[in-house]
């Protein structure tokens, strides 16, 4: 059992440089009150921060430090587990994470994440998710059990039933199986590799003894053939290069056609423009005897001269244009010839490149064949040692087969253990054993809160809810007040399961704003009776805005904002 003794914090959120201390054991029922922003919920954030390095509410870690002092944010908590006294200290600016047991510092790992795992797995034996489900019923960012995913629901219940060890064991076995499969795969590959080596060695010995020289002769013939192919490709390349040279010489006669065409086309454009201008001028003076703009008569002699000049100029331009067109066609033909020759040259260069690739391939084959001839020649001369190598390979093969057989036998045993430890194995049997008790307790607490429904969790942690009025409900079908009663019933049930199993049993129970909205329809007195007399052995803290509950609790803790700092008053 985890017995929380006290917590204290300073420079945490709105708390100033003076310690705020809360004794968890002094009273059974405690009411925490205060106005909004007075700091009454800071204890929740301090509690989860010091234990799990994350606040209860959605607050970024750098925002936890008081914005006025901006340093020495520190939280300390004292608790007892199995007669051992622990003190955990965590702070920001500077960063602090210390664990003491019976007044002595616990050995720290280099990585704070490793120390956090020690705190959660070895000391508390509970993670943040399960802790909040058992110890805290909150508002705002709190996610009740019924709103968790199936995987997270399972995780909480496994923590309560103290069967997470099966998951850890299962993960270890899964890793073992994975390693063994990899090892078996490697051994299989090794076995096949050795078998291939044996086969090759046997063939090699036969080849040495029976066909060694024949292979050498055959390879030499291949080398001769390849040499001839190389010579033929080189000869073909020489011919191709001569053709390319001839095309290049031919290209010289048609070089520059493209540039000339650009200039000629520009000239054609200018001539076309000039023809258009002369045509317009000829049309104007032919059709007009007076100026269309000012209305004055155009002198007849002037008009006729302009018409005659336009006609003469138009004839000259026409003759020039026809000559230009001939020149353009000539240069276009030259350009076509140039492009055609370029394509031929490119094709021939590609053919040469292909031949060079073939030559390289032949030369590579020749080198390989020559190496093979050399190797066979040397091994024919030393064939007596090859039988010894064959015997060594056979020994390696038998040893590999024996190791593989042992691995497969071992893996069968691990597979059997894995099948027992996976979710639908031993864990499911244990969970199914406790499900009737869980459902019974939930419904018991619901009836205590005058909520007469039949609530049932199945093996997949999905709920079935029935009432005298309606056959089937789901959690989401209920009002917020009804959901709160279900959440409370589950919280009380988890604590009861933890008490029975002594897994994550604790004296601390904190409820944040349960009286403020969602339980308006349920009597305060009845609820207090439940938490006082049914939830046994607990130190209960209720955070509320209501100020008319003082006489219902053994102790009242009030927070107020004084000069900008949250203070316990």
Protein backbone atom coordinates (compact mmCIF):
# COMPACT_ATOMS: atom_id res chain seq x y z
CA UNK A 1 0.00 0.00 0.00
CA UNK A 2 1.09 3.54 -0.80
CA UNK A 3 0.51 5.87 2.15
CA UNK A 4 0.91 9.50 1.15
CA UNK A 5 1.97 11.67 4.10
CA UNK A 6 2.42 15.25 2.92
CA UNK A 7 3.20 17.44 -0.05
CA UNK A 8 4.72 20.90 -0.19
CA UNK A 9 5.52 23.23 -3.07
CA UNK A 10 6.79 26.73 -3.79
CA UNK A 11 7.11 28.94 -6.86
CA UNK A 12 4.70 26.49 -8.44
CA UNK A 13 2.06 28.12 -10.67
CA UNK A 14 0.67 31.08 -8.68
CA UNK A 15 2.34 29.98 -5.43
CA UNK A 16 5.13 32.32 -4.26
CA UNK A 17 8.51 31.62 -2.66
CA UNK A 18 6.95 30.45 0.62
CA UNK A 19 6.18 26.75 1.04
CA UNK A 20 2.58 25.63 0.73
CA UNK A 21 2.21 22.40 2.69
CA UNK A 22 -0.70 19.94 2.85
CA UNK A 23 -0.80 17.05 5.32
CA UNK A 24 -2.53 14.11 3.69
CA UNK A 25 -3.01 12.07 6.92
CA UNK A 26 -4.15 14.62 9.49
CA UNK A 27 -7.88 14.38 8.68
CA UNK A 28 -10.14 11.84 7.01
CA UNK A 29 -12.29 14.30 5.05
CA UNK A 30 -10.95 17.60 3.79
CA UNK A 31 -12.63 20.40 1.86
CA UNK A 32 -10.45 22.65 -0.29
CA UNK A 33 -12.14 25.94 -1.21
CA UNK A 34 -11.21 29.21 -2.83
CA UNK A 35 -12.15 31.58 -5.59
CA UNK A 36 -11.16 30.99 -9.21
CA UNK A 37 -7.43 31.41 -9.62
CA UNK A 38 -6.77 31.19 -5.87
CA UNK A 39 -4.75 27.99 -6.34
CA UNK A 40 -7.04 25.35 -4.84
CA UNK A 41 -6.37 22.93 -7.74
CA UNK A 42 -2.61 23.53 -7.75
CA UNK A 43 -2.19 20.63 -5.32
CA UNK A 44 -3.45 18.25 -8.01
CA UNK A 45 -0.92 19.53 -10.54
CA UNK A 46 1.87 19.46 -7.95
CA UNK A 47 0.99 15.87 -7.00
CA UNK A 48 1.12 14.45 -10.53
CA UNK A 49 4.10 16.64 -11.47
CA UNK A 50 6.30 15.46 -8.60
CA UNK A 51 5.36 11.79 -9.17
CA UNK A 52 5.06 11.58 -12.97
CA UNK A 53 6.72 14.76 -14.33
CA UNK A 54 3.45 16.02 -15.84
CA UNK A 55 0.72 18.22 -14.33
CA UNK A 56 -2.85 17.00 -13.97
CA UNK A 57 -4.23 19.80 -16.12
CA UNK A 58 -3.09 20.58 -19.67
CA UNK A 59 -0.27 22.93 -18.72
CA UNK A 60 3.10 22.96 -20.46
CA UNK A 61 5.98 22.19 -18.10
CA UNK A 62 7.70 25.61 -18.52
CA UNK A 63 4.39 27.25 -17.51
CA UNK A 64 4.46 25.56 -14.08
CA UNK A 65 7.11 27.92 -12.73
CA UNK A 66 5.82 31.09 -11.08
CA UNK A 67 5.99 33.95 -13.61
CA UNK A 68 6.96 36.50 -10.96
CA UNK A 69 9.92 34.75 -9.37
CA UNK A 70 10.82 32.67 -12.46
CA UNK A 71 13.13 30.32 -10.54
CA UNK A 72 13.35 27.62 -7.85
CA UNK A 73 10.05 25.94 -8.68
CA UNK A 74 10.09 22.95 -6.33
CA UNK A 75 7.70 20.20 -5.19
CA UNK A 76 8.36 17.60 -2.48
CA UNK A 77 6.21 14.66 -1.47
CA UNK A 78 6.59 12.12 1.34
CA UNK A 79 5.02 8.67 1.25
CA UNK A 80 5.50 5.16 2.58
CA UNK A 81 5.53 1.89 0.62
CA UNK A 82 5.99 -1.43 2.45
CA UNK A 83 7.43 0.21 5.58
CA UNK A 84 9.91 2.23 3.53
CA UNK A 85 9.80 6.00 3.74
CA UNK A 86 10.27 7.83 0.46
CA UNK A 87 10.81 11.47 -0.41
CA UNK A 88 10.60 12.60 -4.03
CA UNK A 89 11.78 16.06 -5.00
CA UNK A 90 11.27 17.59 -8.44
CA UNK A 91 11.97 21.14 -9.57
CA UNK A 92 12.43 23.55 -12.48
CA UNK A 93 15.13 26.24 -12.78
CA UNK A 94 17.18 24.51 -11.70
CA UNK A 95 15.99 21.08 -12.84
CA UNK A 96 15.77 18.75 -9.87
CA UNK A 97 14.76 15.10 -9.62
CA UNK A 98 15.80 13.32 -6.40
CA UNK A 99 14.50 10.19 -4.72
CA UNK A 100 15.32 9.35 -1.09
CA UNK A 101 14.51 6.12 0.71
CA UNK A 102 14.67 6.03 4.50
CA UNK A 103 16.58 9.31 4.41
CA UNK A 104 19.26 8.09 1.98
CA UNK A 105 19.57 9.18 -1.67
CA UNK A 106 18.54 6.49 -4.11
CA UNK A 107 21.22 5.64 -6.68
CA UNK A 108 20.56 7.82 -9.71
CA UNK A 109 20.91 6.72 -13.30
CA UNK A 110 22.47 9.07 -15.83
CA UNK A 111 19.15 9.48 -17.61
CA UNK A 112 16.16 10.99 -15.73
CA UNK A 113 13.86 8.83 -17.85
CA UNK A 114 15.48 5.73 -16.35
CA UNK A 115 14.96 7.16 -12.84
CA UNK A 116 11.31 7.85 -13.70
CA UNK A 117 10.88 4.22 -14.75
CA UNK A 118 12.35 3.11 -11.40
CA UNK A 119 9.90 5.38 -9.54
CA UNK A 120 6.86 4.14 -11.49
CA UNK A 121 7.73 0.46 -11.98
CA UNK A 122 9.72 -0.43 -8.83
CA UNK A 123 8.43 1.94 -6.15
CA UNK A 124 4.91 3.18 -6.97
CA UNK A 125 4.14 0.28 -9.32
CA UNK A 126 1.62 2.45 -11.12
CA UNK A 127 1.74 4.80 -14.10
CA UNK A 128 0.10 8.20 -14.54
CA UNK A 129 -2.98 6.85 -16.29
CA UNK A 130 -3.82 4.26 -13.63
CA UNK A 131 -2.92 6.59 -10.77
CA UNK A 132 -5.39 9.23 -11.92
CA UNK A 133 -8.14 6.63 -12.36
CA UNK A 134 -7.72 5.35 -8.77
CA UNK A 135 -6.74 8.46 -6.83
CA UNK A 136 -8.35 11.38 -8.66
CA UNK A 137 -11.76 12.18 -10.04
CA UNK A 138 -11.24 15.48 -11.74
CA UNK A 139 -12.88 17.90 -14.05
CA UNK A 140 -11.44 19.86 -16.98
CA UNK A 141 -8.79 17.77 -18.71
CA UNK A 142 -9.40 14.57 -16.74
CA UNK A 143 -10.35 11.58 -18.94
CA UNK A 144 -12.69 9.19 -17.06
CA UNK A 145 -12.32 5.44 -17.46
CA UNK A 146 -15.36 5.21 -19.74
CA UNK A 147 -13.82 7.69 -22.18
CA UNK A 148 -10.52 5.81 -22.45
CA UNK A 149 -9.68 3.63 -25.43
CA UNK A 150 -10.03 -0.15 -25.08
CA UNK A 151 -6.23 -0.51 -24.83
CA UNK A 152 -6.02 2.12 -22.07
CA UNK A 153 -8.97 0.55 -20.20
CA UNK A 154 -7.16 -2.78 -20.28
CA UNK A 155 -3.97 -1.12 -19.01
CA UNK A 156 -5.78 0.38 -16.00
CA UNK A 157 -7.47 -2.92 -15.05
CA UNK A 158 -4.22 -4.86 -15.49
CA UNK A 159 -2.55 -2.41 -13.09
CA UNK A 160 -5.38 -2.87 -10.57
CA UNK A 161 -5.25 -6.67 -10.79
CA UNK A 162 -1.46 -6.59 -10.63
CA UNK A 163 -1.11 -8.57 -13.84
CA UNK A 164 0.93 -6.06 -15.82
CA UNK A 165 3.87 -8.35 -15.06
CA UNK A 166 2.32 -10.81 -17.54
CA UNK A 167 2.45 -8.10 -20.22
CA UNK A 168 6.06 -7.35 -19.33
CA UNK A 169 6.88 -11.08 -19.42
CA UNK A 170 4.98 -11.38 -22.68
CA UNK A 171 7.00 -8.52 -24.18
CA UNK A 172 10.23 -10.20 -23.02
CA UNK A 173 9.13 -13.51 -24.52
CA UNK A 174 8.05 -11.73 -27.69
CA UNK A 175 11.55 -10.21 -27.91
CA UNK A 176 13.06 -13.63 -27.25
CA UNK A 177 10.93 -15.20 -29.99
CA UNK A 178 11.89 -12.39 -32.37
CA UNK A 179 15.59 -12.91 -31.59
CA UNK A 180 15.23 -16.68 -31.96
CA UNK A 181 13.42 -16.32 -35.27
CA UNK A 182 16.24 -14.12 -36.48
CA UNK A 183 18.78 -16.63 -35.18
CA UNK A 184 16.88 -19.53 -36.77
CA UNK A 185 16.66 -17.60 -40.02
CA UNK A 186 20.42 -17.01 -39.87
CA UNK A 187 21.01 -20.69 -39.14
CA UNK A 188 18.70 -21.67 -42.02
CA UNK A 189 20.63 -19.39 -44.32
CA UNK A 190 23.89 -20.78 -42.98
CA UNK A 191 22.64 -24.34 -43.49
CA UNK A 192 21.63 -23.65 -47.07
CA UNK A 193 24.88 -21.81 -47.66
CA UNK A 194 26.94 -24.73 -46.32
CA UNK A 195 24.87 -27.19 -48.37
CA UNK A 196 25.58 -25.09 -51.44
CA UNK A 197 29.26 -25.09 -50.55
CA UNK A 198 29.26 -28.87 -50.14
CA UNK A 199 27.54 -29.32 -53.49
CA UNK A 200 29.93 -26.90 -55.13
CA UNK A 201 32.88 -28.63 -53.48
CA UNK A 202 31.75 -32.05 -54.64
CA UNK A 203 31.15 -30.73 -58.14
CA UNK A 204 34.45 -28.98 -57.99
CA UNK A 205 36.29 -32.13 -57.00
CA UNK A 206 34.60 -34.03 -59.84
CA UNK A 207 35.46 -31.22 -62.15
CA UNK A 208 39.06 -31.28 -61.01
CA UNK A 209 39.35 -34.99 -61.37
CA UNK A 210 37.27 -35.55 -64.49
CA UNK A 211 36.76 -32.34 -66.40
CA UNK A 212 39.31 -29.83 -65.15
CA UNK A 213 41.34 -29.71 -68.32
CA UNK A 214 38.20 -29.84 -70.46
CA UNK A 215 36.89 -26.77 -68.66
CA UNK A 216 40.18 -25.01 -69.17
CA UNK A 217 40.05 -25.77 -72.91
CA UNK A 218 36.42 -24.68 -73.12
CA UNK A 219 37.20 -21.41 -71.34
CA UNK A 220 40.17 -20.80 -73.60
CA UNK A 221 37.89 -21.31 -76.62
CA UNK A 222 35.45 -18.79 -75.18
CA UNK A 223 38.31 -16.37 -74.66
CA UNK A 224 39.36 -16.79 -78.31
CA UNK A 225 35.79 -16.21 -79.48
CA UNK A 226 35.47 -13.12 -77.31
CA UNK A 227 38.81 -11.79 -78.61
CA UNK A 228 37.48 -12.12 -82.15
CA UNK A 229 34.28 -10.31 -81.15
CA UNK A 230 36.36 -7.47 -79.66
CA UNK A 231 38.38 -7.19 -82.89
CA UNK A 232 35.17 -7.18 -84.97
CA UNK A 233 33.56 -4.47 -82.80
CA UNK A 234 36.74 -2.38 -82.99
CA UNK A 235 36.83 -2.76 -86.78
CA UNK A 236 33.16 -1.77 -87.01
CA UNK A 237 33.87 1.27 -84.82
CA UNK A 238 36.69 2.30 -87.12
CA UNK A 239 34.33 2.16 -90.11
CA UNK A 240 31.69 4.12 -88.20
CA UNK A 241 34.24 6.80 -87.28
CA UNK A 242 35.20 7.17 -90.97
CA UNK A 243 31.52 7.64 -91.84
CA UNK A 244 31.17 10.23 -89.10
CA UNK A 245 34.20 12.10 -90.44
CA UNK A 246 32.62 12.13 -93.95
CA UNK A 247 29.32 13.46 -92.55
CA UNK A 248 31.16 16.16 -90.63
CA UNK A 249 32.96 17.26 -93.80
CA UNK A 250 29.61 17.30 -95.61
CA UNK A 251 28.12 19.33 -92.76
CA UNK A 252 30.68 22.08 -93.26
CA UNK A 253 29.09 23.00 -96.59
CA UNK A 254 25.69 23.59 -94.98
CA UNK A 255 26.84 25.14 -91.72
CA UNK A 256 25.32 28.47 -90.80
CA UNK A 257 21.97 27.95 -92.56
CA UNK A 258 20.10 28.39 -89.32
CA UNK A 259 21.64 31.79 -88.60
CA UNK A 260 20.98 32.92 -92.13
CA UNK A 261 17.35 31.81 -91.90
CA UNK A 262 16.88 33.94 -88.81
CA UNK A 263 18.20 37.02 -90.62
CA UNK A 264 16.21 36.26 -93.78
CA UNK A 265 12.98 35.79 -91.83
CA UNK A 266 13.60 39.10 -90.11
CA UNK A 267 14.11 40.72 -93.50
CA UNK A 268 10.92 39.07 -94.78
CA UNK A 269 9.05 40.55 -91.88
CA UNK A 270 10.38 44.02 -92.65
CA UNK A 271 9.50 43.65 -96.37
CA UNK A 272 5.99 42.49 -95.47
CA UNK A 273 5.58 45.52 -93.27
CA UNK A 274 6.83 47.83 -96.00
CA UNK A 275 4.51 46.21 -98.59
CA UNK A 276 1.60 46.78 -96.21
CA UNK A 277 2.55 50.45 -95.81
CA UNK A 278 2.89 50.99 -99.63
CA UNK A 279 -0.41 49.18 -100.20
CA UNK A 280 -2.20 51.43 -97.73
CA UNK A 281 -0.64 54.54 -99.31
CA UNK A 282 -1.64 53.42 -102.83
CA UNK A 283 -5.19 52.71 -101.63
CA UNK A 284 -5.44 56.08 -99.90
CA UNK A 285 -4.41 58.18 -102.90
CA UNK A 286 -6.42 56.04 -105.32
CA UNK A 287 -9.63 56.39 -103.31
CA UNK A 288 -9.30 59.98 -102.05
CA UNK A 289 -9.15 63.33 -103.93
CA UNK A 290 -9.42 65.33 -100.75
CA UNK A 291 -8.06 64.95 -97.26
CA UNK A 292 -10.60 63.03 -95.10
CA UNK A 293 -9.27 64.79 -92.03
CA UNK A 294 -9.22 68.49 -92.98
CA UNK A 295 -11.43 68.33 -96.10
CA UNK A 296 -8.92 70.15 -98.41
CA UNK A 297 -8.44 68.99 -102.02
CA UNK A 298 -5.38 66.95 -102.79
CA UNK A 299 -3.45 68.36 -105.71
CA UNK A 300 -4.08 66.03 -108.62
CA UNK A 301 -0.50 65.95 -109.88
CA UNK A 302 0.76 65.20 -106.37
CA UNK A 303 -1.84 62.46 -105.94
CA UNK A 304 -0.96 60.82 -109.30
CA UNK A 305 2.76 60.98 -108.57
CA UNK A 306 2.23 59.29 -105.20
CA UNK A 307 0.12 56.58 -106.84
CA UNK A 308 2.82 56.02 -109.48
CA UNK A 309 5.60 55.94 -106.87
CA UNK A 310 3.63 53.47 -104.82
CA UNK A 311 3.11 51.20 -107.79
CA UNK A 312 6.80 51.31 -108.75
CA UNK A 313 7.88 50.66 -105.16
CA UNK A 314 5.39 47.81 -104.83
CA UNK A 315 6.79 46.16 -107.99
CA UNK A 316 10.35 46.45 -106.68
CA UNK A 317 9.32 45.03 -103.34
CA UNK A 318 7.48 42.19 -105.01
CA UNK A 319 10.53 41.27 -107.08
CA UNK A 320 12.72 41.50 -104.02
CA UNK A 321 10.26 39.44 -101.94
CA UNK A 322 10.20 36.67 -104.56
CA UNK A 323 13.99 36.59 -104.62
CA UNK A 324 14.03 36.52 -100.81
CA UNK A 325 11.60 33.58 -100.77
CA UNK A 326 13.91 31.66 -103.11
CA UNK A 327 16.85 32.37 -100.82
CA UNK A 328 14.85 31.28 -97.75
CA UNK A 329 13.84 28.00 -99.40
CA UNK A 330 17.47 27.42 -100.33
CA UNK A 331 18.67 28.00 -96.75
CA UNK A 332 15.82 25.85 -95.37
CA UNK A 333 17.01 23.01 -97.55
CA UNK A 334 20.58 23.54 -96.29
CA UNK A 335 19.32 23.51 -92.70
CA UNK A 336 17.35 20.30 -93.33
CA UNK A 337 20.52 18.72 -94.75
CA UNK A 338 22.48 19.90 -91.68
CA UNK A 339 19.91 18.42 -89.28
CA UNK A 340 19.73 15.18 -91.22
CA UNK A 341 23.52 14.84 -91.11
CA UNK A 342 23.47 15.61 -87.36
CA UNK A 343 20.97 12.80 -86.79
CA UNK A 344 23.15 10.40 -88.77
CA UNK A 345 26.24 11.43 -86.80
CA UNK A 346 24.34 10.96 -83.51
CA UNK A 347 23.13 7.53 -84.60
CA UNK A 348 26.63 6.47 -85.58
CA UNK A 349 28.02 7.76 -82.25
CA UNK A 350 25.34 5.74 -80.43
CA UNK A 351 26.35 2.67 -82.43
CA UNK A 352 29.99 3.25 -81.44
CA UNK A 353 28.94 3.65 -77.79
CA UNK A 354 26.99 0.37 -77.93
CA UNK A 355 29.99 -1.36 -79.50
CA UNK A 356 32.24 0.07 -76.76
CA UNK A 357 29.85 -1.34 -74.14
CA UNK A 358 29.98 -4.71 -75.89
CA UNK A 359 33.77 -4.51 -76.04
CA UNK A 360 33.91 -3.76 -72.28
CA UNK A 361 31.57 -6.68 -71.60
CA UNK A 362 33.68 -9.02 -73.68
CA UNK A 363 36.88 -7.84 -72.02
CA UNK A 364 35.30 -8.34 -68.58
CA UNK A 365 34.25 -11.87 -69.56
CA UNK A 366 37.75 -12.51 -70.87
CA UNK A 367 39.26 -11.39 -67.53
CA UNK A 368 36.80 -13.58 -65.60
CA UNK A 369 37.51 -16.55 -67.82
CA UNK A 370 41.25 -16.03 -67.51
CA UNK A 371 40.92 -15.87 -63.73
CA UNK A 372 38.82 -19.03 -63.81
CA UNK A 373 41.41 -20.78 -65.96
CA UNK A 374 44.13 -19.70 -63.53
CA UNK A 375 42.07 -20.85 -60.53
CA UNK A 376 41.27 -24.26 -62.07
CA UNK A 377 44.88 -24.70 -63.11
CA UNK A 378 46.09 -24.02 -59.55
CA UNK A 379 43.43 -26.21 -57.95
CA UNK A 380 44.05 -29.11 -60.31
CA UNK A 381 47.60 -28.98 -59.08
CA UNK A 382 46.44 -28.99 -55.41
CA UNK A 383 43.32 -31.23 -55.55
CA UNK A 384 44.40 -33.39 -52.60
CA UNK A 385 43.39 -30.65 -50.12
CA UNK A 386 39.90 -30.26 -51.59
CA UNK A 387 38.65 -33.49 -49.99
CA UNK A 388 39.68 -32.12 -46.57
CA UNK A 389 37.67 -28.96 -47.23
CA UNK A 390 34.66 -31.09 -48.15
CA UNK A 391 34.90 -32.97 -44.84
CA UNK A 392 35.11 -29.65 -42.92
CA UNK A 393 31.99 -28.36 -44.68
CA UNK A 394 30.07 -31.52 -43.73
CA UNK A 395 31.03 -31.10 -40.05
CA UNK A 396 29.87 -27.45 -40.15
CA UNK A 397 26.59 -28.55 -41.76
CA UNK A 398 25.86 -31.13 -39.05
CA UNK A 399 26.65 -28.63 -36.27
CA UNK A 400 24.35 -26.06 -37.92
CA UNK A 401 21.53 -28.62 -38.20
CA UNK A 402 21.94 -29.54 -34.51
CA UNK A 403 21.88 -25.84 -33.45
CA UNK A 404 18.83 -25.20 -35.60
CA UNK A 405 17.00 -28.14 -34.03
CA UNK A 406 17.79 -26.85 -30.52
CA UNK A 407 16.56 -23.34 -31.43
CA UNK A 408 13.31 -24.65 -32.84
CA UNK A 409 12.68 -26.75 -29.72
CA UNK A 410 13.38 -23.73 -27.54
CA UNK A 411 11.14 -21.53 -29.71
CA UNK A 412 8.26 -24.02 -29.35
CA UNK A 413 8.52 -23.64 -25.57
CA UNK A 414 8.53 -19.84 -25.85
CA UNK A 415 5.58 -19.95 -28.28
CA UNK A 416 3.63 -21.94 -25.71
CA UNK A 417 4.48 -19.42 -22.97
CA UNK A 418 3.58 -16.55 -25.32
CA UNK A 419 0.18 -18.07 -26.06
CA UNK A 420 -0.49 -18.26 -22.32
CA UNK A 421 0.64 -14.69 -21.57
CA UNK A 422 -0.97 -12.81 -24.46
CA UNK A 423 -4.14 -10.78 -23.94
CA UNK A 424 -6.53 -13.68 -24.61
CA UNK A 425 -4.58 -16.09 -22.36
CA UNK A 426 -3.99 -16.11 -18.60
CA UNK A 427 -4.67 -12.36 -18.27
CA UNK A 428 -8.12 -12.70 -19.80
CA UNK A 429 -8.96 -15.59 -17.45
CA UNK A 430 -7.90 -13.50 -14.44
CA UNK A 431 -9.83 -10.45 -15.69
CA UNK A 432 -12.95 -12.57 -16.33
CA UNK A 433 -12.65 -13.91 -12.78
CA UNK A 434 -12.80 -10.38 -11.36
CA UNK A 435 -15.34 -8.89 -13.80
CA UNK A 436 -18.40 -10.11 -11.80
CA UNK A 437 -16.95 -8.52 -8.65
CA UNK A 438 -16.19 -5.28 -10.54
CA UNK A 439 -19.69 -5.10 -12.03
CA UNK A 440 -21.26 -5.93 -8.66
CA UNK A 441 -19.33 -3.14 -6.92
CA UNK A 442 -20.12 -0.58 -9.64
CA UNK A 443 -23.84 -1.30 -9.39
CA UNK A 444 -23.66 -1.25 -5.58
CA UNK A 445 -22.19 2.26 -5.59
CA UNK A 446 -24.66 3.42 -8.26
CA UNK A 447 -27.57 2.27 -6.08
CA UNK A 448 -26.05 4.10 -3.09
CA UNK A 449 -26.26 7.23 -5.25
CA UNK A 450 -29.92 6.47 -6.09
CA UNK A 451 -29.02 5.64 -9.68
CA UNK A 452 -30.88 2.41 -10.44
CA UNK A 453 -29.36 1.05 -13.61
CA UNK A 454 -27.66 -2.23 -14.41
CA UNK A 455 -24.09 -1.44 -15.49
CA UNK A 456 -21.98 -4.25 -16.94
CA UNK A 457 -18.43 -4.39 -18.40
CA UNK A 458 -17.63 -7.29 -20.71
CA UNK A 459 -14.29 -8.96 -21.39
CA UNK A 460 -13.41 -6.28 -23.94
CA UNK A 461 -14.26 -3.56 -21.37
CA UNK A 462 -17.25 -2.35 -23.35
CA UNK A 463 -20.22 -1.30 -21.29
CA UNK A 464 -23.82 -2.52 -21.41
CA UNK A 465 -26.29 -0.40 -19.49
CA UNK A 466 -29.91 -1.34 -18.86
CA UNK A 467 -32.62 0.47 -16.95
CA UNK A 468 -36.24 -0.28 -16.03
CA UNK A 469 -37.32 2.25 -18.69
CA UNK A 470 -34.92 1.55 -21.53
CA UNK A 471 -33.37 -1.73 -22.53
CA UNK A 472 -29.95 -0.62 -23.70
CA UNK A 473 -27.86 2.45 -22.97
CA UNK A 474 -24.26 3.49 -23.43
CA UNK A 475 -22.17 5.81 -21.28
CA UNK A 476 -22.47 8.57 -23.87
CA UNK A 477 -26.29 8.43 -23.67
CA UNK A 478 -26.40 9.87 -20.14
CA UNK A 479 -26.38 13.45 -18.89
CA UNK A 480 -23.26 14.94 -17.36
CA UNK A 481 -24.61 14.39 -13.85
CA UNK A 482 -25.36 10.74 -14.60
CA UNK A 483 -21.93 10.28 -16.19
CA UNK A 484 -20.37 11.72 -13.02
CA UNK A 485 -22.18 9.12 -10.90
CA UNK A 486 -20.88 6.34 -13.15
CA UNK A 487 -17.37 7.85 -12.96
CA UNK A 488 -17.62 7.98 -9.14
CA UNK A 489 -18.88 4.41 -8.96
CA UNK A 490 -15.96 3.25 -11.11
CA UNK A 491 -13.49 5.27 -9.02
CA UNK A 492 -14.78 3.69 -5.81
CA UNK A 493 -14.76 0.26 -7.44
CA UNK A 494 -11.14 0.62 -8.61
CA UNK A 495 -10.13 1.56 -5.09
CA UNK A 496 -11.99 -1.47 -3.74
CA UNK A 497 -10.28 -3.76 -6.27
CA UNK A 498 -6.91 -2.19 -5.40
CA UNK A 499 -7.62 -2.79 -1.69
CA UNK A 500 -8.57 -6.43 -2.29
CA UNK A 501 -5.58 -7.08 -4.56
CA UNK A 502 -3.24 -4.76 -2.62
CA UNK A 503 -1.84 -3.71 -6.00
CA UNK A 504 -2.00 0.07 -6.18
CA UNK A 505 -3.91 0.57 -2.95
CA UNK A 506 -3.48 4.03 -1.44
CA UNK A 507 -4.87 6.20 1.32
CA UNK A 508 -5.36 9.24 -0.96
CA UNK A 509 -8.60 10.14 -2.75
CA UNK A 510 -9.04 13.53 -4.45
CA UNK A 511 -12.22 14.77 -6.12
CA UNK A 512 -12.17 18.00 -8.06
CA UNK A 513 -15.41 20.01 -8.28
CA UNK A 514 -17.73 16.98 -8.03
CA UNK A 515 -20.22 19.03 -5.99
CA UNK A 516 -20.14 22.09 -8.21
CA UNK A 517 -22.27 21.05 -11.15
CA UNK A 518 -22.72 17.43 -12.00
CA UNK A 519 -24.04 16.19 -8.65
CA UNK A 520 -26.63 18.88 -8.08
CA UNK A 521 -29.40 16.30 -8.30
CA UNK A 522 -27.80 14.02 -5.72
CA UNK A 523 -27.79 14.87 -2.05
CA UNK A 524 -24.53 16.05 -0.55
CA UNK A 525 -25.25 14.18 2.67
CA UNK A 526 -25.70 10.86 0.88
CA UNK A 527 -22.51 11.32 -1.08
CA UNK A 528 -20.55 12.26 2.05
CA UNK A 529 -21.87 9.15 3.76
CA UNK A 530 -20.47 7.07 0.91
CA UNK A 531 -17.01 8.61 0.97
CA UNK A 532 -16.90 8.67 4.79
CA UNK A 533 -18.23 5.22 5.67
CA UNK A 534 -17.92 3.13 2.51
CA UNK A 535 -14.54 4.28 1.22
CA UNK A 536 -12.64 3.03 4.23
CA UNK A 537 -9.10 3.93 5.23
CA UNK A 538 -8.93 6.91 2.88
CA UNK A 539 -7.85 10.49 3.35
CA UNK A 540 -10.32 12.32 1.15
CA UNK A 541 -9.84 15.76 -0.37
CA UNK A 542 -12.73 17.49 -2.13
CA UNK A 543 -12.01 20.64 -4.17
CA UNK A 544 -15.03 22.89 -4.51
CA UNK A 545 -16.26 26.41 -5.16
CA UNK A 546 -19.09 25.92 -2.67
CA UNK A 547 -18.67 27.62 0.67
CA UNK A 548 -21.67 26.02 2.44
CA UNK A 549 -20.02 22.64 3.00
CA UNK A 550 -17.71 23.56 5.88
CA UNK A 551 -19.62 21.63 8.54
CA UNK A 552 -19.72 18.48 6.40
CA UNK A 553 -15.97 17.91 6.56
CA UNK A 554 -13.41 17.23 9.29
CA UNK A 555 -11.11 19.92 7.92
CA UNK A 556 -11.38 22.94 5.61
CA UNK A 557 -8.41 24.23 3.62
CA UNK A 558 -8.90 27.65 2.11
CA UNK A 559 -6.78 29.28 -0.60
CA UNK A 560 -6.76 32.96 -1.50
CA UNK A 561 -4.84 35.32 -3.77
CA UNK A 562 -2.72 37.73 -1.68
CA UNK A 563 -0.58 40.31 -3.49
CA UNK A 564 -0.70 38.21 -6.63
CA UNK A 565 0.38 34.96 -4.94
CA UNK A 566 -1.71 31.95 -4.02
CA UNK A 567 -1.67 31.39 -0.24
CA UNK A 568 -3.21 28.92 2.13
CA UNK A 569 -5.16 30.98 4.68
